[in-house]
N, C-alpha and C. Protein backbone atom coordinates (compact mmCIF):
# COMPACT_ATOMS: atom_id res chain seq x y z
N MET A 1 -182.07 294.62 -36.44
CA MET A 1 -180.83 295.32 -36.68
C MET A 1 -181.05 296.72 -37.26
N LEU A 2 -182.03 296.83 -38.14
CA LEU A 2 -182.34 298.13 -38.73
C LEU A 2 -182.71 299.13 -37.64
N GLU A 3 -183.50 298.67 -36.69
CA GLU A 3 -183.88 299.54 -35.59
C GLU A 3 -182.66 299.97 -34.78
N ASP A 4 -181.67 299.08 -34.68
CA ASP A 4 -180.46 299.40 -33.93
C ASP A 4 -179.73 300.59 -34.56
N THR A 5 -179.62 300.60 -35.89
CA THR A 5 -178.93 301.69 -36.57
C THR A 5 -179.70 302.99 -36.41
N GLN A 6 -181.00 302.94 -36.58
CA GLN A 6 -181.82 304.14 -36.41
C GLN A 6 -181.72 304.63 -34.97
N TYR A 7 -181.72 303.72 -34.02
CA TYR A 7 -181.60 304.09 -32.62
C TYR A 7 -180.26 304.78 -32.38
N LEU A 8 -179.18 304.24 -32.95
CA LEU A 8 -177.86 304.83 -32.76
C LEU A 8 -177.79 306.24 -33.32
N ILE A 9 -178.37 306.46 -34.49
CA ILE A 9 -178.35 307.81 -35.08
C ILE A 9 -179.16 308.77 -34.22
N LEU A 10 -180.34 308.36 -33.81
CA LEU A 10 -181.16 309.24 -32.97
C LEU A 10 -180.50 309.47 -31.62
N ASN A 11 -179.86 308.45 -31.07
CA ASN A 11 -179.16 308.59 -29.80
C ASN A 11 -177.98 309.55 -29.95
N LEU A 12 -177.28 309.47 -31.08
CA LEU A 12 -176.17 310.39 -31.35
C LEU A 12 -176.67 311.83 -31.38
N ILE A 13 -177.78 312.05 -32.05
CA ILE A 13 -178.35 313.40 -32.12
C ILE A 13 -178.71 313.88 -30.72
N TRP A 14 -179.31 313.01 -29.92
CA TRP A 14 -179.71 313.40 -28.58
C TRP A 14 -178.50 313.69 -27.70
N LEU A 15 -177.46 312.85 -27.80
CA LEU A 15 -176.29 312.99 -26.94
C LEU A 15 -175.42 314.19 -27.29
N VAL A 16 -175.14 314.38 -28.56
CA VAL A 16 -174.16 315.40 -28.95
C VAL A 16 -174.78 316.54 -29.75
N GLY A 17 -176.03 316.42 -30.07
CA GLY A 17 -176.71 317.48 -30.78
C GLY A 17 -176.61 317.35 -32.29
N ASN A 18 -177.47 318.06 -32.94
CA ASN A 18 -177.55 318.00 -34.40
C ASN A 18 -176.29 318.54 -35.05
N THR A 19 -175.56 319.44 -34.37
CA THR A 19 -174.34 319.99 -34.95
C THR A 19 -173.32 318.90 -35.24
N ALA A 20 -173.17 317.97 -34.32
CA ALA A 20 -172.22 316.87 -34.52
C ALA A 20 -172.65 316.00 -35.69
N VAL A 21 -173.95 315.79 -35.82
CA VAL A 21 -174.44 314.99 -36.95
C VAL A 21 -174.17 315.73 -38.25
N GLU A 22 -174.38 317.06 -38.24
CA GLU A 22 -174.08 317.85 -39.43
C GLU A 22 -172.60 317.73 -39.81
N LEU A 23 -171.73 317.66 -38.83
CA LEU A 23 -170.31 317.49 -39.09
C LEU A 23 -169.99 316.08 -39.61
N ALA A 24 -170.78 315.10 -39.20
CA ALA A 24 -170.54 313.72 -39.62
C ALA A 24 -171.03 313.45 -41.04
N VAL A 25 -172.01 314.20 -41.51
CA VAL A 25 -172.59 313.96 -42.84
C VAL A 25 -171.53 313.95 -43.94
N PRO A 26 -170.65 314.96 -44.03
CA PRO A 26 -169.65 314.90 -45.11
C PRO A 26 -168.67 313.73 -44.97
N ILE A 27 -168.44 313.29 -43.74
CA ILE A 27 -167.55 312.14 -43.54
C ILE A 27 -168.22 310.88 -44.08
N PHE A 28 -169.50 310.69 -43.76
CA PHE A 28 -170.25 309.56 -44.31
C PHE A 28 -170.27 309.63 -45.84
N ARG A 29 -170.50 310.83 -46.36
CA ARG A 29 -170.57 311.00 -47.82
C ARG A 29 -169.25 310.65 -48.48
N LEU A 30 -168.15 311.11 -47.92
CA LEU A 30 -166.84 310.81 -48.48
C LEU A 30 -166.55 309.30 -48.43
N ALA A 31 -166.85 308.69 -47.30
CA ALA A 31 -166.64 307.25 -47.19
C ALA A 31 -167.53 306.49 -48.17
N CYS A 32 -168.72 307.00 -48.37
CA CYS A 32 -169.66 306.42 -49.33
C CYS A 32 -169.09 306.49 -50.74
N ILE A 33 -168.56 307.65 -51.11
CA ILE A 33 -167.96 307.85 -52.44
C ILE A 33 -166.77 306.90 -52.63
N ARG A 34 -166.06 306.64 -51.54
CA ARG A 34 -164.88 305.77 -51.61
C ARG A 34 -165.24 304.29 -51.58
N GLY A 35 -166.56 303.99 -51.51
CA GLY A 35 -166.99 302.61 -51.65
C GLY A 35 -167.37 301.88 -50.37
N ASN A 36 -167.43 302.58 -49.25
CA ASN A 36 -167.81 301.94 -47.99
C ASN A 36 -169.33 301.80 -47.95
N THR A 37 -169.80 300.56 -48.05
CA THR A 37 -171.25 300.33 -48.13
C THR A 37 -171.97 300.64 -46.83
N ASP A 38 -171.33 300.42 -45.69
CA ASP A 38 -171.97 300.74 -44.42
C ASP A 38 -172.11 302.26 -44.26
N ALA A 39 -171.11 303.00 -44.70
CA ALA A 39 -171.20 304.46 -44.67
C ALA A 39 -172.29 304.94 -45.61
N LYS A 40 -172.42 304.28 -46.76
CA LYS A 40 -173.47 304.66 -47.72
C LYS A 40 -174.84 304.41 -47.12
N TYR A 41 -174.98 303.31 -46.40
CA TYR A 41 -176.24 303.01 -45.74
C TYR A 41 -176.58 304.08 -44.70
N SER A 42 -175.59 304.42 -43.88
CA SER A 42 -175.81 305.44 -42.86
C SER A 42 -176.12 306.80 -43.49
N TYR A 43 -175.40 307.14 -44.53
CA TYR A 43 -175.63 308.40 -45.23
C TYR A 43 -177.04 308.44 -45.82
N ALA A 44 -177.47 307.32 -46.39
CA ALA A 44 -178.82 307.24 -46.96
C ALA A 44 -179.88 307.43 -45.87
N GLN A 45 -179.63 306.86 -44.69
CA GLN A 45 -180.57 307.04 -43.59
C GLN A 45 -180.67 308.51 -43.18
N LEU A 46 -179.52 309.18 -43.12
CA LEU A 46 -179.53 310.60 -42.76
C LEU A 46 -180.25 311.41 -43.83
N LEU A 47 -180.01 311.07 -45.10
CA LEU A 47 -180.71 311.77 -46.19
C LEU A 47 -182.22 311.54 -46.12
N GLN A 48 -182.60 310.32 -45.86
CA GLN A 48 -184.02 309.99 -45.80
C GLN A 48 -184.74 310.78 -44.71
N ALA A 49 -184.10 310.88 -43.55
CA ALA A 49 -184.74 311.54 -42.41
C ALA A 49 -184.46 313.04 -42.36
N GLY A 50 -183.44 313.50 -43.09
CA GLY A 50 -183.08 314.91 -43.03
C GLY A 50 -182.34 315.28 -41.77
N HIS A 51 -181.61 314.33 -41.20
CA HIS A 51 -180.80 314.60 -40.01
C HIS A 51 -179.43 315.08 -40.44
N GLY A 52 -179.08 316.31 -40.07
CA GLY A 52 -177.77 316.85 -40.39
C GLY A 52 -177.63 317.35 -41.81
N THR A 53 -178.64 317.18 -42.60
CA THR A 53 -178.63 317.59 -44.00
C THR A 53 -180.07 317.77 -44.46
N GLU A 54 -180.23 318.37 -45.61
CA GLU A 54 -181.58 318.52 -46.16
C GLU A 54 -182.09 317.14 -46.58
N ALA A 55 -183.33 316.85 -46.24
CA ALA A 55 -183.92 315.56 -46.57
C ALA A 55 -183.99 315.37 -48.08
N ASP A 56 -183.63 314.20 -48.54
CA ASP A 56 -183.73 313.84 -49.95
C ASP A 56 -184.13 312.37 -50.04
N PRO A 57 -185.41 312.08 -49.78
CA PRO A 57 -185.85 310.70 -49.74
C PRO A 57 -185.71 309.97 -51.08
N ILE A 58 -185.75 310.70 -52.18
CA ILE A 58 -185.60 310.06 -53.49
C ILE A 58 -184.17 309.54 -53.66
N GLU A 59 -183.19 310.38 -53.34
CA GLU A 59 -181.79 309.95 -53.43
C GLU A 59 -181.51 308.82 -52.44
N ALA A 60 -182.09 308.92 -51.25
CA ALA A 60 -181.91 307.86 -50.25
C ALA A 60 -182.47 306.54 -50.78
N ALA A 61 -183.64 306.58 -51.40
CA ALA A 61 -184.25 305.35 -51.94
C ALA A 61 -183.37 304.74 -53.03
N LYS A 62 -182.77 305.59 -53.87
CA LYS A 62 -181.85 305.09 -54.91
C LYS A 62 -180.66 304.39 -54.27
N MET A 63 -180.14 305.00 -53.20
CA MET A 63 -178.98 304.41 -52.53
C MET A 63 -179.34 303.09 -51.86
N PHE A 64 -180.51 303.04 -51.19
CA PHE A 64 -180.94 301.80 -50.57
C PHE A 64 -181.13 300.70 -51.61
N THR A 65 -181.71 301.04 -52.76
CA THR A 65 -181.92 300.06 -53.82
C THR A 65 -180.59 299.53 -54.35
N GLU A 66 -179.65 300.43 -54.59
CA GLU A 66 -178.33 300.03 -55.07
C GLU A 66 -177.63 299.12 -54.05
N LEU A 67 -177.70 299.50 -52.79
CA LEU A 67 -177.09 298.68 -51.75
C LEU A 67 -177.76 297.31 -51.65
N ALA A 68 -179.08 297.28 -51.74
CA ALA A 68 -179.81 296.02 -51.67
C ALA A 68 -179.40 295.10 -52.82
N GLN A 69 -179.25 295.67 -54.01
CA GLN A 69 -178.84 294.87 -55.17
C GLN A 69 -177.43 294.32 -55.01
N LYS A 70 -176.62 295.01 -54.23
CA LYS A 70 -175.24 294.55 -53.97
C LYS A 70 -175.17 293.61 -52.77
N GLY A 71 -176.33 293.35 -52.15
CA GLY A 71 -176.37 292.38 -51.06
C GLY A 71 -176.27 292.94 -49.65
N HIS A 72 -176.39 294.26 -49.50
CA HIS A 72 -176.33 294.83 -48.15
C HIS A 72 -177.58 294.39 -47.38
N PRO A 73 -177.41 293.66 -46.26
CA PRO A 73 -178.56 293.06 -45.59
C PRO A 73 -179.58 294.07 -45.05
N TYR A 74 -179.14 295.18 -44.49
CA TYR A 74 -180.09 296.15 -43.95
C TYR A 74 -180.83 296.87 -45.07
N ALA A 75 -180.13 297.15 -46.14
CA ALA A 75 -180.79 297.81 -47.29
C ALA A 75 -181.80 296.87 -47.93
N GLN A 76 -181.54 295.57 -47.90
CA GLN A 76 -182.50 294.62 -48.44
C GLN A 76 -183.79 294.65 -47.64
N VAL A 77 -183.68 294.83 -46.33
CA VAL A 77 -184.88 294.91 -45.48
C VAL A 77 -185.70 296.14 -45.86
N ILE A 78 -185.03 297.27 -46.05
CA ILE A 78 -185.73 298.51 -46.41
C ILE A 78 -186.38 298.37 -47.77
N SER A 79 -185.71 297.72 -48.71
CA SER A 79 -186.25 297.55 -50.06
C SER A 79 -187.49 296.69 -50.07
N LEU A 80 -187.64 295.83 -49.08
CA LEU A 80 -188.82 294.97 -49.00
C LEU A 80 -190.04 295.70 -48.47
N GLN A 81 -189.82 296.82 -47.80
CA GLN A 81 -190.94 297.53 -47.17
C GLN A 81 -191.70 298.35 -48.16
């Protein structure tokens, strides 16, 4: 499943270009702030890879850890690696 999400993000970049991903970053961030855990996971992935935003792997790791502690299944997989 983790690979599916990464594939979707990379496919989005390929299909519509990095500009669209840059436009999506603030939407993911806002949804994340409002408590949407799936948006937070996606936002953390973008932060980790630096897609559409400046890479911040430390902040991404904090977000993955927090999500894993709250029971997010994909974040738990990342936390185990």
